[in-house]
Amino acid sequence: MVREEHLWSVARYMPTSTGELDSLGLSGSEIRFHGKTLISWSKKRRRCRSRPAGAAAEPDRHAGLPQSL
């Protein structure tokens, strides 16, 4: 589990390393268990923000999966 305020910090600052997650105040267990996922989301968001307007988006690899998983 990751604290809500830490999720907001990750969304705002888009860290690219576990060291940056640590500097945002995430706990060791948050980084250990969820750090790679948070960093990958952050990197994906950076790519989306740098894409020119009107460019095609990446296909969603989770499309078609039930939302209740």
N, C-alpha and C. Protein backbone atom coordinates (compact mmCIF):
# COMPACT_ATOMS: atom_id res chain seq x y z
N MET A 1 0.84 -1.16 0.00
CA MET A 1 0.00 0.00 0.00
C MET A 1 0.89 1.24 0.00
N VAL A 2 0.46 2.24 -0.76
CA VAL A 2 1.21 3.50 -0.84
C VAL A 2 0.30 4.62 -0.33
N ARG A 3 0.82 5.45 0.53
CA ARG A 3 0.03 6.55 1.10
C ARG A 3 -0.42 7.52 0.01
N GLU A 4 -1.61 8.05 0.17
CA GLU A 4 -2.19 8.94 -0.83
C GLU A 4 -1.30 10.15 -1.12
N GLU A 5 -0.75 10.76 -0.09
CA GLU A 5 0.09 11.95 -0.33
C GLU A 5 1.35 11.60 -1.12
N HIS A 6 1.82 10.37 -0.98
CA HIS A 6 2.98 9.94 -1.76
C HIS A 6 2.60 9.74 -3.22
N LEU A 7 1.40 9.23 -3.47
CA LEU A 7 0.93 9.09 -4.86
C LEU A 7 0.83 10.46 -5.52
N TRP A 8 0.33 11.44 -4.78
CA TRP A 8 0.26 12.80 -5.32
C TRP A 8 1.65 13.35 -5.63
N SER A 9 2.61 13.08 -4.76
CA SER A 9 3.98 13.54 -5.00
C SER A 9 4.58 12.89 -6.24
N VAL A 10 4.34 11.60 -6.40
CA VAL A 10 4.84 10.89 -7.59
C VAL A 10 4.20 11.48 -8.84
N ALA A 11 2.90 11.74 -8.81
CA ALA A 11 2.22 12.31 -9.97
C ALA A 11 2.74 13.71 -10.29
N ARG A 12 3.06 14.47 -9.27
CA ARG A 12 3.52 15.85 -9.49
C ARG A 12 4.96 15.92 -9.98
N TYR A 13 5.86 15.16 -9.35
CA TYR A 13 7.29 15.30 -9.64
C TYR A 13 7.84 14.27 -10.62
N MET A 14 7.09 13.22 -10.92
CA MET A 14 7.47 12.19 -11.88
C MET A 14 8.91 11.68 -11.68
N PRO A 15 9.19 11.04 -10.57
CA PRO A 15 10.55 10.55 -10.29
C PRO A 15 10.96 9.44 -11.27
N THR A 16 12.27 9.32 -11.48
CA THR A 16 12.78 8.31 -12.40
C THR A 16 13.72 7.32 -11.73
N SER A 17 13.83 7.39 -10.40
CA SER A 17 14.71 6.46 -9.69
C SER A 17 14.18 6.23 -8.28
N THR A 18 14.66 5.16 -7.67
CA THR A 18 14.25 4.89 -6.29
C THR A 18 14.80 5.95 -5.35
N GLY A 19 15.94 6.53 -5.67
CA GLY A 19 16.48 7.61 -4.86
C GLY A 19 15.56 8.82 -4.85
N GLU A 20 14.97 9.12 -6.00
CA GLU A 20 14.03 10.23 -6.06
C GLU A 20 12.76 9.91 -5.27
N LEU A 21 12.32 8.64 -5.30
CA LEU A 21 11.16 8.24 -4.50
C LEU A 21 11.47 8.46 -3.02
N ASP A 22 12.68 8.09 -2.62
CA ASP A 22 13.10 8.27 -1.23
C ASP A 22 13.09 9.76 -0.86
N SER A 23 13.58 10.60 -1.76
CA SER A 23 13.62 12.03 -1.47
C SER A 23 12.22 12.65 -1.40
N LEU A 24 11.22 11.98 -2.01
CA LEU A 24 9.84 12.45 -1.92
C LEU A 24 9.19 12.03 -0.61
N GLY A 25 9.89 11.17 0.15
CA GLY A 25 9.38 10.77 1.46
C GLY A 25 8.71 9.42 1.52
N LEU A 26 8.76 8.64 0.43
CA LEU A 26 8.17 7.31 0.47
C LEU A 26 8.95 6.44 1.44
N SER A 27 8.24 5.53 2.10
CA SER A 27 8.90 4.65 3.07
C SER A 27 9.68 3.57 2.33
N GLY A 28 10.57 2.92 3.05
CA GLY A 28 11.36 1.84 2.47
C GLY A 28 10.49 0.72 1.91
N SER A 29 9.43 0.36 2.64
CA SER A 29 8.55 -0.71 2.15
C SER A 29 7.76 -0.27 0.93
N GLU A 30 7.35 1.00 0.87
CA GLU A 30 6.64 1.50 -0.32
C GLU A 30 7.56 1.42 -1.54
N ILE A 31 8.80 1.80 -1.36
CA ILE A 31 9.76 1.76 -2.47
C ILE A 31 10.08 0.32 -2.84
N ARG A 32 10.30 -0.52 -1.86
CA ARG A 32 10.67 -1.92 -2.10
C ARG A 32 9.56 -2.66 -2.85
N PHE A 33 8.32 -2.48 -2.42
CA PHE A 33 7.23 -3.25 -3.01
C PHE A 33 6.60 -2.59 -4.23
N HIS A 34 6.63 -1.27 -4.34
CA HIS A 34 5.91 -0.58 -5.41
C HIS A 34 6.77 0.37 -6.22
N GLY A 35 8.05 0.51 -5.87
CA GLY A 35 8.91 1.49 -6.52
C GLY A 35 9.03 1.33 -8.01
N LYS A 36 9.27 0.11 -8.49
CA LYS A 36 9.44 -0.10 -9.93
C LYS A 36 8.17 0.27 -10.69
N THR A 37 7.02 -0.08 -10.13
CA THR A 37 5.75 0.25 -10.78
C THR A 37 5.54 1.76 -10.82
N LEU A 38 5.79 2.43 -9.72
CA LEU A 38 5.61 3.89 -9.68
C LEU A 38 6.54 4.59 -10.66
N ILE A 39 7.78 4.12 -10.76
CA ILE A 39 8.74 4.72 -11.69
C ILE A 39 8.31 4.47 -13.13
N SER A 40 7.82 3.25 -13.43
CA SER A 40 7.39 2.97 -14.80
C SER A 40 6.19 3.83 -15.18
N TRP A 41 5.25 4.05 -14.24
CA TRP A 41 4.12 4.94 -14.51
C TRP A 41 4.61 6.35 -14.77
N SER A 42 5.57 6.78 -13.98
CA SER A 42 6.11 8.12 -14.11
C SER A 42 6.79 8.29 -15.48
N LYS A 43 7.58 7.32 -15.88
CA LYS A 43 8.27 7.39 -17.18
C LYS A 43 7.26 7.37 -18.32
N LYS A 44 6.21 6.56 -18.19
CA LYS A 44 5.18 6.51 -19.23
C LYS A 44 4.48 7.86 -19.34
N ARG A 45 4.22 8.48 -18.20
CA ARG A 45 3.57 9.79 -18.20
C ARG A 45 4.46 10.83 -18.85
N ARG A 46 5.77 10.77 -18.59
CA ARG A 46 6.70 11.71 -19.22
C ARG A 46 6.67 11.56 -20.74
N ARG A 47 6.64 10.30 -21.22
CA ARG A 47 6.58 10.07 -22.67
C ARG A 47 5.29 10.64 -23.26
N CYS A 48 4.18 10.46 -22.57
CA CYS A 48 2.89 10.97 -23.05
C CYS A 48 2.90 12.49 -23.11
N ARG A 49 3.50 13.13 -22.12
CA ARG A 49 3.54 14.59 -22.08
C ARG A 49 4.46 15.15 -23.16
N SER A 50 5.47 14.38 -23.58
CA SER A 50 6.41 14.89 -24.57
C SER A 50 5.96 14.59 -26.00
N ARG A 51 4.89 13.80 -26.16
CA ARG A 51 4.39 13.46 -27.49
C ARG A 51 3.72 14.68 -28.11
N PRO A 52 3.94 14.92 -29.41
CA PRO A 52 3.28 16.06 -30.06
C PRO A 52 1.76 15.89 -30.06
N ALA A 53 1.06 17.01 -30.04
CA ALA A 53 -0.40 16.97 -30.06
C ALA A 53 -0.88 16.26 -31.32
N GLY A 54 -1.85 15.40 -31.18
CA GLY A 54 -2.41 14.68 -32.32
C GLY A 54 -1.70 13.38 -32.64
N ALA A 55 -0.59 13.08 -31.96
CA ALA A 55 0.13 11.82 -32.22
C ALA A 55 -0.67 10.66 -31.65
N ALA A 56 -0.56 9.52 -32.28
CA ALA A 56 -1.29 8.33 -31.83
C ALA A 56 -0.76 7.85 -30.49
N ALA A 57 -1.66 7.44 -29.64
CA ALA A 57 -1.28 6.92 -28.32
C ALA A 57 -0.88 5.46 -28.44
N GLU A 58 -0.11 4.98 -27.44
CA GLU A 58 0.25 3.57 -27.38
C GLU A 58 -1.01 2.76 -27.11
N PRO A 59 -1.11 1.56 -27.69
CA PRO A 59 -2.27 0.73 -27.37
C PRO A 59 -2.25 0.33 -25.90
N ASP A 60 -3.41 0.27 -25.29
CA ASP A 60 -3.51 -0.11 -23.89
C ASP A 60 -3.44 -1.63 -23.80
N ARG A 61 -2.39 -2.16 -23.18
CA ARG A 61 -2.22 -3.61 -23.11
C ARG A 61 -3.22 -4.25 -22.17
N HIS A 62 -3.95 -3.44 -21.40
CA HIS A 62 -4.96 -3.98 -20.49
C HIS A 62 -6.37 -3.83 -21.06
N ALA A 63 -6.48 -3.35 -22.29
CA ALA A 63 -7.80 -3.17 -22.89
C ALA A 63 -8.51 -4.51 -22.98
N GLY A 64 -9.76 -4.52 -22.66
CA GLY A 64 -10.55 -5.73 -22.74
C GLY A 64 -10.57 -6.56 -21.48
N LEU A 65 -9.71 -6.24 -20.51
CA LEU A 65 -9.71 -6.97 -19.25
C LEU A 65 -10.84 -6.45 -18.37
N PRO A 66 -11.44 -7.32 -17.59
CA PRO A 66 -12.49 -6.86 -16.67
C PRO A 66 -11.92 -5.85 -15.68
N GLN A 67 -12.69 -4.83 -15.36
CA GLN A 67 -12.24 -3.78 -14.45
C GLN A 67 -12.19 -4.24 -13.00
N SER A 68 -12.81 -5.38 -12.69
CA SER A 68 -12.88 -5.83 -11.30
C SER A 68 -11.66 -6.61 -10.85
N LEU A 69 -10.64 -6.77 -11.70
CA LEU A 69 -9.46 -7.52 -11.31
C LEU A 69 -8.65 -6.81 -10.32
